[in-house]
N, C-alpha and C. Protein backbone atom coordinates (compact mmCIF):
# COMPACT_ATOMS: atom_id res chain seq x y z
N MET A 1 -0.43 16.93 -8.73
CA MET A 1 -1.18 16.12 -7.80
C MET A 1 -0.83 14.65 -8.04
N ALA A 2 -0.42 13.95 -7.01
CA ALA A 2 0.00 12.56 -7.14
C ALA A 2 -1.19 11.64 -7.41
N VAL A 3 -0.88 10.54 -8.02
CA VAL A 3 -1.85 9.49 -8.31
C VAL A 3 -1.71 8.43 -7.22
N ILE A 4 -2.82 7.79 -6.84
CA ILE A 4 -2.80 6.64 -5.95
C ILE A 4 -3.30 5.45 -6.76
N THR A 5 -2.51 4.36 -6.80
CA THR A 5 -2.97 3.14 -7.46
C THR A 5 -3.36 2.11 -6.41
N LEU A 6 -4.27 1.22 -6.80
CA LEU A 6 -4.71 0.14 -5.91
C LEU A 6 -4.53 -1.20 -6.61
N THR A 7 -3.89 -2.13 -5.92
CA THR A 7 -3.74 -3.50 -6.39
C THR A 7 -4.13 -4.42 -5.24
N THR A 8 -5.10 -5.30 -5.48
CA THR A 8 -5.55 -6.20 -4.42
C THR A 8 -5.91 -7.57 -5.01
N ASP A 9 -6.16 -8.50 -4.10
CA ASP A 9 -6.73 -9.79 -4.49
C ASP A 9 -8.18 -9.89 -4.04
N PHE A 10 -8.83 -8.74 -3.86
CA PHE A 10 -10.20 -8.70 -3.33
C PHE A 10 -11.26 -9.07 -4.36
N GLY A 11 -10.96 -8.92 -5.65
CA GLY A 11 -12.00 -9.06 -6.66
C GLY A 11 -12.88 -7.81 -6.65
N THR A 12 -13.94 -7.85 -7.45
CA THR A 12 -14.82 -6.68 -7.54
C THR A 12 -16.28 -7.04 -7.30
N ARG A 13 -16.54 -8.15 -6.66
CA ARG A 13 -17.92 -8.60 -6.44
C ARG A 13 -18.54 -8.03 -5.17
N ASP A 14 -17.74 -7.36 -4.37
CA ASP A 14 -18.27 -6.83 -3.11
C ASP A 14 -17.76 -5.41 -2.91
N GLY A 15 -17.87 -4.89 -1.73
CA GLY A 15 -17.54 -3.50 -1.50
C GLY A 15 -16.17 -3.21 -0.92
N TYR A 16 -15.28 -4.20 -0.88
CA TYR A 16 -13.99 -3.98 -0.24
C TYR A 16 -13.15 -2.91 -0.94
N VAL A 17 -13.02 -3.01 -2.25
CA VAL A 17 -12.27 -2.00 -3.00
C VAL A 17 -12.96 -0.65 -2.87
N GLY A 18 -14.27 -0.64 -2.97
CA GLY A 18 -15.03 0.60 -2.83
C GLY A 18 -14.83 1.25 -1.47
N ALA A 19 -14.74 0.44 -0.42
CA ALA A 19 -14.50 0.99 0.92
C ALA A 19 -13.14 1.67 0.99
N MET A 20 -12.12 1.06 0.39
CA MET A 20 -10.79 1.69 0.36
C MET A 20 -10.84 3.01 -0.40
N LYS A 21 -11.53 3.02 -1.53
CA LYS A 21 -11.66 4.25 -2.31
C LYS A 21 -12.42 5.31 -1.54
N GLY A 22 -13.41 4.89 -0.77
CA GLY A 22 -14.17 5.84 0.05
C GLY A 22 -13.30 6.50 1.10
N VAL A 23 -12.43 5.73 1.75
CA VAL A 23 -11.50 6.30 2.74
C VAL A 23 -10.60 7.32 2.07
N ILE A 24 -10.04 6.96 0.93
CA ILE A 24 -9.14 7.88 0.22
C ILE A 24 -9.90 9.15 -0.19
N ALA A 25 -11.10 9.00 -0.72
CA ALA A 25 -11.89 10.17 -1.16
C ALA A 25 -12.24 11.08 0.01
N ARG A 26 -12.48 10.48 1.18
CA ARG A 26 -12.83 11.27 2.37
C ARG A 26 -11.62 12.07 2.87
N LEU A 27 -10.42 11.53 2.66
CA LEU A 27 -9.22 12.14 3.25
C LEU A 27 -8.41 13.01 2.29
N CYS A 28 -8.60 12.84 0.98
CA CYS A 28 -7.82 13.65 0.03
C CYS A 28 -8.53 13.67 -1.32
N ASN A 29 -8.03 14.50 -2.20
CA ASN A 29 -8.60 14.64 -3.54
C ASN A 29 -7.62 14.04 -4.54
N ALA A 30 -7.51 12.73 -4.54
CA ALA A 30 -6.53 12.05 -5.39
C ALA A 30 -7.20 11.43 -6.60
N THR A 31 -6.44 11.29 -7.66
CA THR A 31 -6.84 10.44 -8.77
C THR A 31 -6.48 9.02 -8.37
N VAL A 32 -7.46 8.13 -8.33
CA VAL A 32 -7.22 6.74 -7.93
C VAL A 32 -7.32 5.86 -9.18
N VAL A 33 -6.28 5.06 -9.41
CA VAL A 33 -6.22 4.17 -10.56
C VAL A 33 -6.21 2.74 -10.05
N ASP A 34 -7.12 1.93 -10.58
CA ASP A 34 -7.14 0.50 -10.25
C ASP A 34 -6.15 -0.22 -11.16
N LEU A 35 -5.08 -0.76 -10.57
CA LEU A 35 -4.15 -1.56 -11.37
C LEU A 35 -4.76 -2.94 -11.61
N ALA A 36 -5.11 -3.62 -10.52
CA ALA A 36 -5.71 -4.96 -10.64
C ALA A 36 -6.35 -5.33 -9.31
N HIS A 37 -7.50 -5.97 -9.40
CA HIS A 37 -8.16 -6.49 -8.20
C HIS A 37 -8.48 -7.97 -8.34
N ASP A 38 -7.97 -8.57 -9.42
CA ASP A 38 -8.20 -9.99 -9.63
C ASP A 38 -6.90 -10.78 -9.52
N ILE A 39 -5.97 -10.28 -8.72
CA ILE A 39 -4.75 -11.04 -8.42
C ILE A 39 -5.21 -12.36 -7.80
N PRO A 40 -4.64 -13.50 -8.19
CA PRO A 40 -5.04 -14.75 -7.54
C PRO A 40 -4.86 -14.63 -6.01
N ARG A 41 -5.84 -15.14 -5.29
CA ARG A 41 -5.89 -15.01 -3.83
C ARG A 41 -4.56 -15.39 -3.19
N HIS A 42 -4.03 -14.44 -2.43
CA HIS A 42 -2.79 -14.61 -1.65
C HIS A 42 -1.54 -14.82 -2.49
N ASP A 43 -1.58 -14.52 -3.79
CA ASP A 43 -0.42 -14.73 -4.67
C ASP A 43 0.48 -13.49 -4.64
N ILE A 44 1.34 -13.45 -3.63
CA ILE A 44 2.22 -12.30 -3.41
C ILE A 44 3.13 -12.07 -4.61
N ALA A 45 3.71 -13.14 -5.16
CA ALA A 45 4.64 -13.00 -6.28
C ALA A 45 3.95 -12.40 -7.50
N HIS A 46 2.73 -12.81 -7.78
CA HIS A 46 2.00 -12.26 -8.92
C HIS A 46 1.72 -10.77 -8.70
N ALA A 47 1.29 -10.42 -7.50
CA ALA A 47 1.03 -9.01 -7.20
C ALA A 47 2.30 -8.19 -7.33
N ALA A 48 3.41 -8.72 -6.84
CA ALA A 48 4.69 -8.02 -6.92
C ALA A 48 5.06 -7.77 -8.38
N TRP A 49 4.84 -8.76 -9.24
CA TRP A 49 5.15 -8.61 -10.66
C TRP A 49 4.24 -7.57 -11.31
N VAL A 50 2.94 -7.62 -11.03
CA VAL A 50 1.99 -6.66 -11.61
C VAL A 50 2.40 -5.24 -11.25
N VAL A 51 2.68 -5.00 -9.98
CA VAL A 51 3.03 -3.65 -9.53
C VAL A 51 4.37 -3.22 -10.12
N ALA A 52 5.35 -4.11 -10.13
CA ALA A 52 6.68 -3.74 -10.64
C ALA A 52 6.63 -3.39 -12.12
N THR A 53 5.82 -4.08 -12.90
CA THR A 53 5.76 -3.76 -14.33
C THR A 53 4.91 -2.52 -14.59
N ALA A 54 3.83 -2.36 -13.86
CA ALA A 54 2.95 -1.20 -14.09
C ALA A 54 3.52 0.09 -13.55
N CYS A 55 4.24 0.05 -12.44
CA CYS A 55 4.71 1.29 -11.81
C CYS A 55 5.66 2.07 -12.71
N LEU A 56 6.29 1.39 -13.65
CA LEU A 56 7.21 2.06 -14.56
C LEU A 56 6.51 3.11 -15.42
N GLU A 57 5.20 2.97 -15.60
CA GLU A 57 4.44 3.87 -16.47
C GLU A 57 3.85 5.07 -15.73
N PHE A 58 4.06 5.13 -14.42
CA PHE A 58 3.45 6.20 -13.62
C PHE A 58 4.47 7.29 -13.30
N PRO A 59 4.00 8.51 -13.10
CA PRO A 59 4.92 9.62 -12.81
C PRO A 59 5.52 9.51 -11.41
N ARG A 60 6.58 10.29 -11.23
CA ARG A 60 7.18 10.42 -9.89
C ARG A 60 6.08 10.79 -8.90
N ASP A 61 6.29 10.43 -7.68
CA ASP A 61 5.39 10.73 -6.57
C ASP A 61 4.09 9.94 -6.59
N THR A 62 3.95 8.98 -7.50
CA THR A 62 2.78 8.11 -7.45
C THR A 62 2.86 7.26 -6.19
N ILE A 63 1.71 7.00 -5.60
CA ILE A 63 1.61 6.18 -4.39
C ILE A 63 0.88 4.90 -4.77
N HIS A 64 1.54 3.77 -4.60
CA HIS A 64 0.98 2.47 -4.97
C HIS A 64 0.58 1.72 -3.70
N VAL A 65 -0.71 1.43 -3.56
CA VAL A 65 -1.20 0.64 -2.43
C VAL A 65 -1.39 -0.79 -2.92
N VAL A 66 -0.76 -1.73 -2.23
CA VAL A 66 -0.83 -3.14 -2.61
C VAL A 66 -1.34 -3.94 -1.42
N VAL A 67 -2.46 -4.62 -1.60
CA VAL A 67 -3.03 -5.41 -0.51
C VAL A 67 -3.28 -6.83 -1.01
N VAL A 68 -2.26 -7.64 -0.93
CA VAL A 68 -2.34 -9.08 -1.16
C VAL A 68 -1.61 -9.66 0.04
N ASP A 69 -2.38 -10.19 0.98
CA ASP A 69 -1.84 -10.36 2.33
C ASP A 69 -2.37 -11.62 3.02
N PRO A 70 -1.76 -12.77 2.73
CA PRO A 70 -2.21 -13.98 3.41
C PRO A 70 -1.99 -13.94 4.92
N GLY A 71 -1.14 -13.03 5.40
CA GLY A 71 -0.85 -12.94 6.84
C GLY A 71 -1.66 -11.90 7.57
N VAL A 72 -2.71 -11.35 6.94
CA VAL A 72 -3.50 -10.32 7.61
C VAL A 72 -4.03 -10.86 8.94
N GLY A 73 -3.97 -10.02 9.94
CA GLY A 73 -4.38 -10.44 11.27
C GLY A 73 -3.26 -11.05 12.07
N GLY A 74 -2.12 -11.28 11.42
CA GLY A 74 -0.96 -11.87 12.09
C GLY A 74 0.02 -10.79 12.53
N ALA A 75 1.26 -11.20 12.72
CA ALA A 75 2.27 -10.31 13.27
C ALA A 75 2.98 -9.45 12.23
N ARG A 76 2.74 -9.66 10.96
CA ARG A 76 3.47 -8.88 9.95
C ARG A 76 3.08 -7.40 10.07
N ARG A 77 3.98 -6.55 9.65
CA ARG A 77 3.76 -5.10 9.81
C ARG A 77 3.39 -4.47 8.47
N GLY A 78 2.74 -3.32 8.56
CA GLY A 78 2.50 -2.51 7.38
C GLY A 78 3.68 -1.57 7.18
N VAL A 79 4.01 -1.28 5.92
CA VAL A 79 5.16 -0.45 5.62
C VAL A 79 4.86 0.54 4.50
N ILE A 80 5.69 1.58 4.47
CA ILE A 80 5.77 2.51 3.35
C ILE A 80 7.17 2.38 2.80
N VAL A 81 7.30 2.17 1.50
CA VAL A 81 8.60 2.02 0.85
C VAL A 81 8.75 3.15 -0.16
N ARG A 82 9.92 3.80 -0.15
CA ARG A 82 10.21 4.81 -1.16
C ARG A 82 11.34 4.28 -2.03
N THR A 83 11.08 4.22 -3.32
CA THR A 83 12.09 3.77 -4.27
C THR A 83 11.74 4.31 -5.65
N GLY A 84 12.73 4.67 -6.42
CA GLY A 84 12.50 5.16 -7.77
C GLY A 84 11.59 6.37 -7.86
N GLY A 85 11.57 7.20 -6.81
CA GLY A 85 10.74 8.40 -6.83
C GLY A 85 9.26 8.15 -6.59
N GLN A 86 8.91 6.92 -6.22
CA GLN A 86 7.52 6.57 -5.94
C GLN A 86 7.42 5.97 -4.55
N LEU A 87 6.18 5.94 -4.02
CA LEU A 87 5.92 5.36 -2.71
C LEU A 87 5.04 4.13 -2.87
N PHE A 88 5.29 3.13 -2.03
CA PHE A 88 4.54 1.88 -2.05
C PHE A 88 4.07 1.61 -0.63
N VAL A 89 2.79 1.28 -0.48
CA VAL A 89 2.18 1.10 0.83
C VAL A 89 1.53 -0.27 0.88
N GLY A 90 1.83 -1.04 1.92
CA GLY A 90 1.22 -2.36 2.06
C GLY A 90 1.92 -3.19 3.11
N PRO A 91 1.66 -4.48 3.12
CA PRO A 91 2.26 -5.36 4.11
C PRO A 91 3.72 -5.67 3.78
N ASP A 92 4.51 -5.90 4.81
CA ASP A 92 5.91 -6.31 4.64
C ASP A 92 5.93 -7.84 4.53
N ASN A 93 5.49 -8.32 3.38
CA ASN A 93 5.39 -9.77 3.18
C ASN A 93 6.04 -10.23 1.89
N GLY A 94 6.85 -9.38 1.27
CA GLY A 94 7.51 -9.72 0.02
C GLY A 94 6.86 -9.09 -1.20
N VAL A 95 5.70 -8.46 -1.03
CA VAL A 95 4.96 -7.91 -2.16
C VAL A 95 5.73 -6.77 -2.85
N PHE A 96 6.70 -6.20 -2.17
CA PHE A 96 7.53 -5.15 -2.78
C PHE A 96 8.88 -5.69 -3.23
N GLY A 97 8.99 -7.00 -3.32
CA GLY A 97 10.25 -7.66 -3.65
C GLY A 97 10.84 -7.30 -4.99
N TYR A 98 10.01 -6.93 -5.96
CA TYR A 98 10.52 -6.59 -7.29
C TYR A 98 10.77 -5.10 -7.47
N VAL A 99 10.33 -4.27 -6.55
CA VAL A 99 10.57 -2.83 -6.68
C VAL A 99 11.60 -2.32 -5.67
N ALA A 100 11.67 -2.93 -4.51
CA ALA A 100 12.62 -2.48 -3.48
C ALA A 100 14.02 -2.96 -3.83
N ASN A 101 15.00 -2.13 -3.51
CA ASN A 101 16.39 -2.49 -3.75
C ASN A 101 17.25 -1.89 -2.64
N GLU A 102 18.56 -1.96 -2.80
CA GLU A 102 19.46 -1.51 -1.74
C GLU A 102 19.38 -0.02 -1.45
N VAL A 103 18.85 0.78 -2.35
CA VAL A 103 18.73 2.21 -2.09
C VAL A 103 17.32 2.60 -1.65
N SER A 104 16.45 1.64 -1.53
CA SER A 104 15.09 1.92 -1.06
C SER A 104 15.10 2.27 0.42
N GLU A 105 14.11 3.05 0.81
CA GLU A 105 13.90 3.36 2.22
C GLU A 105 12.55 2.79 2.62
N ALA A 106 12.43 2.36 3.87
CA ALA A 106 11.15 1.80 4.33
C ALA A 106 10.88 2.27 5.76
N TRP A 107 9.59 2.50 6.02
CA TRP A 107 9.13 2.90 7.35
C TRP A 107 7.99 1.98 7.76
N GLU A 108 7.98 1.60 9.02
CA GLU A 108 6.85 0.86 9.56
C GLU A 108 5.69 1.83 9.76
N ILE A 109 4.49 1.40 9.44
CA ILE A 109 3.30 2.20 9.73
C ILE A 109 2.88 1.85 11.15
N ARG A 110 3.27 2.70 12.08
CA ARG A 110 3.04 2.40 13.49
C ARG A 110 2.19 3.44 14.20
N PHE A 111 2.30 4.71 13.79
CA PHE A 111 1.66 5.77 14.55
C PHE A 111 0.19 5.92 14.17
N PRO A 112 -0.68 6.12 15.17
CA PRO A 112 -2.13 6.14 14.95
C PRO A 112 -2.61 7.15 13.91
N ARG A 113 -1.88 8.23 13.72
CA ARG A 113 -2.29 9.25 12.74
C ARG A 113 -2.45 8.65 11.35
N PHE A 114 -1.72 7.60 11.06
CA PHE A 114 -1.73 6.97 9.74
C PHE A 114 -2.76 5.84 9.64
N MET A 115 -3.63 5.73 10.64
CA MET A 115 -4.60 4.63 10.66
C MET A 115 -5.99 5.15 11.01
N ALA A 116 -6.98 4.31 10.75
CA ALA A 116 -8.34 4.60 11.20
C ALA A 116 -8.38 4.55 12.73
N ARG A 117 -9.40 5.16 13.30
CA ARG A 117 -9.54 5.13 14.77
C ARG A 117 -9.65 3.70 15.28
N ARG A 118 -10.40 2.90 14.57
CA ARG A 118 -10.51 1.47 14.89
C ARG A 118 -9.93 0.69 13.73
N VAL A 119 -8.99 -0.17 14.04
CA VAL A 119 -8.34 -0.97 13.00
C VAL A 119 -8.83 -2.41 13.10
N SER A 120 -9.52 -2.84 12.07
CA SER A 120 -9.97 -4.23 12.00
C SER A 120 -8.76 -5.14 11.85
N PRO A 121 -8.75 -6.29 12.50
CA PRO A 121 -7.62 -7.21 12.34
C PRO A 121 -7.56 -7.83 10.94
N THR A 122 -8.63 -7.69 10.16
CA THR A 122 -8.65 -8.34 8.85
C THR A 122 -8.90 -7.41 7.68
N PHE A 123 -8.92 -6.09 7.89
CA PHE A 123 -9.13 -5.17 6.76
C PHE A 123 -8.16 -4.00 6.85
N HIS A 124 -6.87 -4.32 6.82
CA HIS A 124 -5.84 -3.29 6.87
C HIS A 124 -5.83 -2.44 5.60
N GLY A 125 -6.35 -2.99 4.50
CA GLY A 125 -6.46 -2.18 3.28
C GLY A 125 -7.25 -0.92 3.53
N ARG A 126 -8.36 -1.04 4.21
CA ARG A 126 -9.22 0.10 4.52
C ARG A 126 -8.70 0.91 5.71
N ASP A 127 -8.22 0.22 6.74
CA ASP A 127 -7.96 0.87 8.03
C ASP A 127 -6.52 1.35 8.23
N VAL A 128 -5.58 0.84 7.45
CA VAL A 128 -4.18 1.24 7.59
C VAL A 128 -3.62 1.76 6.27
N PHE A 129 -3.74 0.98 5.20
CA PHE A 129 -3.06 1.33 3.96
C PHE A 129 -3.74 2.47 3.20
N ALA A 130 -5.05 2.48 3.13
CA ALA A 130 -5.75 3.59 2.45
C ALA A 130 -5.54 4.92 3.18
N PRO A 131 -5.70 4.98 4.52
CA PRO A 131 -5.44 6.26 5.20
C PRO A 131 -3.99 6.71 5.06
N SER A 132 -3.07 5.76 5.09
CA SER A 132 -1.65 6.12 4.93
C SER A 132 -1.40 6.73 3.56
N ALA A 133 -1.97 6.12 2.52
CA ALA A 133 -1.80 6.66 1.16
C ALA A 133 -2.39 8.06 1.05
N ALA A 134 -3.55 8.26 1.65
CA ALA A 134 -4.18 9.59 1.59
C ALA A 134 -3.34 10.64 2.29
N LEU A 135 -2.78 10.30 3.44
CA LEU A 135 -1.92 11.27 4.14
C LEU A 135 -0.66 11.56 3.34
N LEU A 136 -0.06 10.54 2.74
CA LEU A 136 1.12 10.76 1.91
C LEU A 136 0.76 11.65 0.72
N HIS A 137 -0.39 11.42 0.13
CA HIS A 137 -0.86 12.25 -0.98
C HIS A 137 -0.98 13.71 -0.56
N GLY A 138 -1.40 13.93 0.67
CA GLY A 138 -1.55 15.29 1.20
C GLY A 138 -0.24 15.94 1.60
N GLY A 139 0.87 15.25 1.43
CA GLY A 139 2.18 15.84 1.71
C GLY A 139 2.83 15.38 3.00
N GLU A 140 2.16 14.49 3.72
CA GLU A 140 2.75 13.97 4.96
C GLU A 140 4.00 13.16 4.62
N SER A 141 5.02 13.28 5.44
CA SER A 141 6.26 12.54 5.22
C SER A 141 6.14 11.11 5.73
N PRO A 142 6.72 10.14 5.03
CA PRO A 142 6.73 8.77 5.55
C PRO A 142 7.39 8.68 6.93
N ASN A 143 8.30 9.63 7.21
CA ASN A 143 8.96 9.64 8.53
C ASN A 143 7.95 9.75 9.66
N HIS A 144 6.79 10.35 9.39
CA HIS A 144 5.78 10.54 10.43
C HIS A 144 4.93 9.30 10.67
N ALA A 145 5.08 8.28 9.82
CA ALA A 145 4.30 7.04 9.98
C ALA A 145 4.88 6.14 11.06
N GLY A 146 6.19 6.20 11.22
CA GLY A 146 6.85 5.32 12.17
C GLY A 146 8.33 5.25 11.88
N PRO A 147 9.03 4.36 12.57
CA PRO A 147 10.48 4.28 12.43
C PRO A 147 10.90 3.66 11.09
N MET A 148 12.10 4.02 10.66
CA MET A 148 12.68 3.38 9.48
C MET A 148 12.97 1.92 9.83
N VAL A 149 12.76 1.05 8.85
CA VAL A 149 12.96 -0.39 9.06
C VAL A 149 13.62 -0.99 7.83
N LYS A 150 14.12 -2.19 7.98
CA LYS A 150 14.56 -2.99 6.84
C LYS A 150 13.41 -3.93 6.50
N LEU A 151 13.12 -4.05 5.23
CA LEU A 151 12.07 -4.97 4.82
C LEU A 151 12.48 -6.40 5.14
N VAL A 152 11.56 -7.17 5.68
CA VAL A 152 11.87 -8.56 6.01
C VAL A 152 11.14 -9.54 5.10
N GLY A 153 10.03 -9.11 4.50
CA GLY A 153 9.28 -9.98 3.61
C GLY A 153 10.05 -10.23 2.32
N THR A 154 10.12 -11.48 1.90
CA THR A 154 10.82 -11.84 0.67
C THR A 154 9.92 -12.72 -0.19
N LEU A 155 10.27 -12.78 -1.46
CA LEU A 155 9.53 -13.66 -2.38
C LEU A 155 10.17 -15.02 -2.39
């Protein structure tokens, strides 16, 4: 059974992380590991470093959800990245800059099956990334999320 990790800049003073965990719990029976929720606000490079160093300790097929997204509500897209036998889910804003490489594959999260019925413009962690991780945990292929893409976000 795959593990799902969560990394955010949400902090732990409110229910945002809990809401993401609730979505995952409702959709699958995953072990959820909190990597960090005190990433400095909007610090994409720090989040990328935390995930890149921690992911080395997780087994194949781990799904890493990363939500540090100063562009939420804007035109940036959500993506699923496969590299090193693991999956990474989050915004295409450079947050996967330390794990993605020339052999990585990436898919845009475009199809409604991978999202909540209603997607808030400012809470993609709950409405796009958590449901996508749960479906991947259940065996859904990243190919079913949307078309293959090249990552455009850089550090």
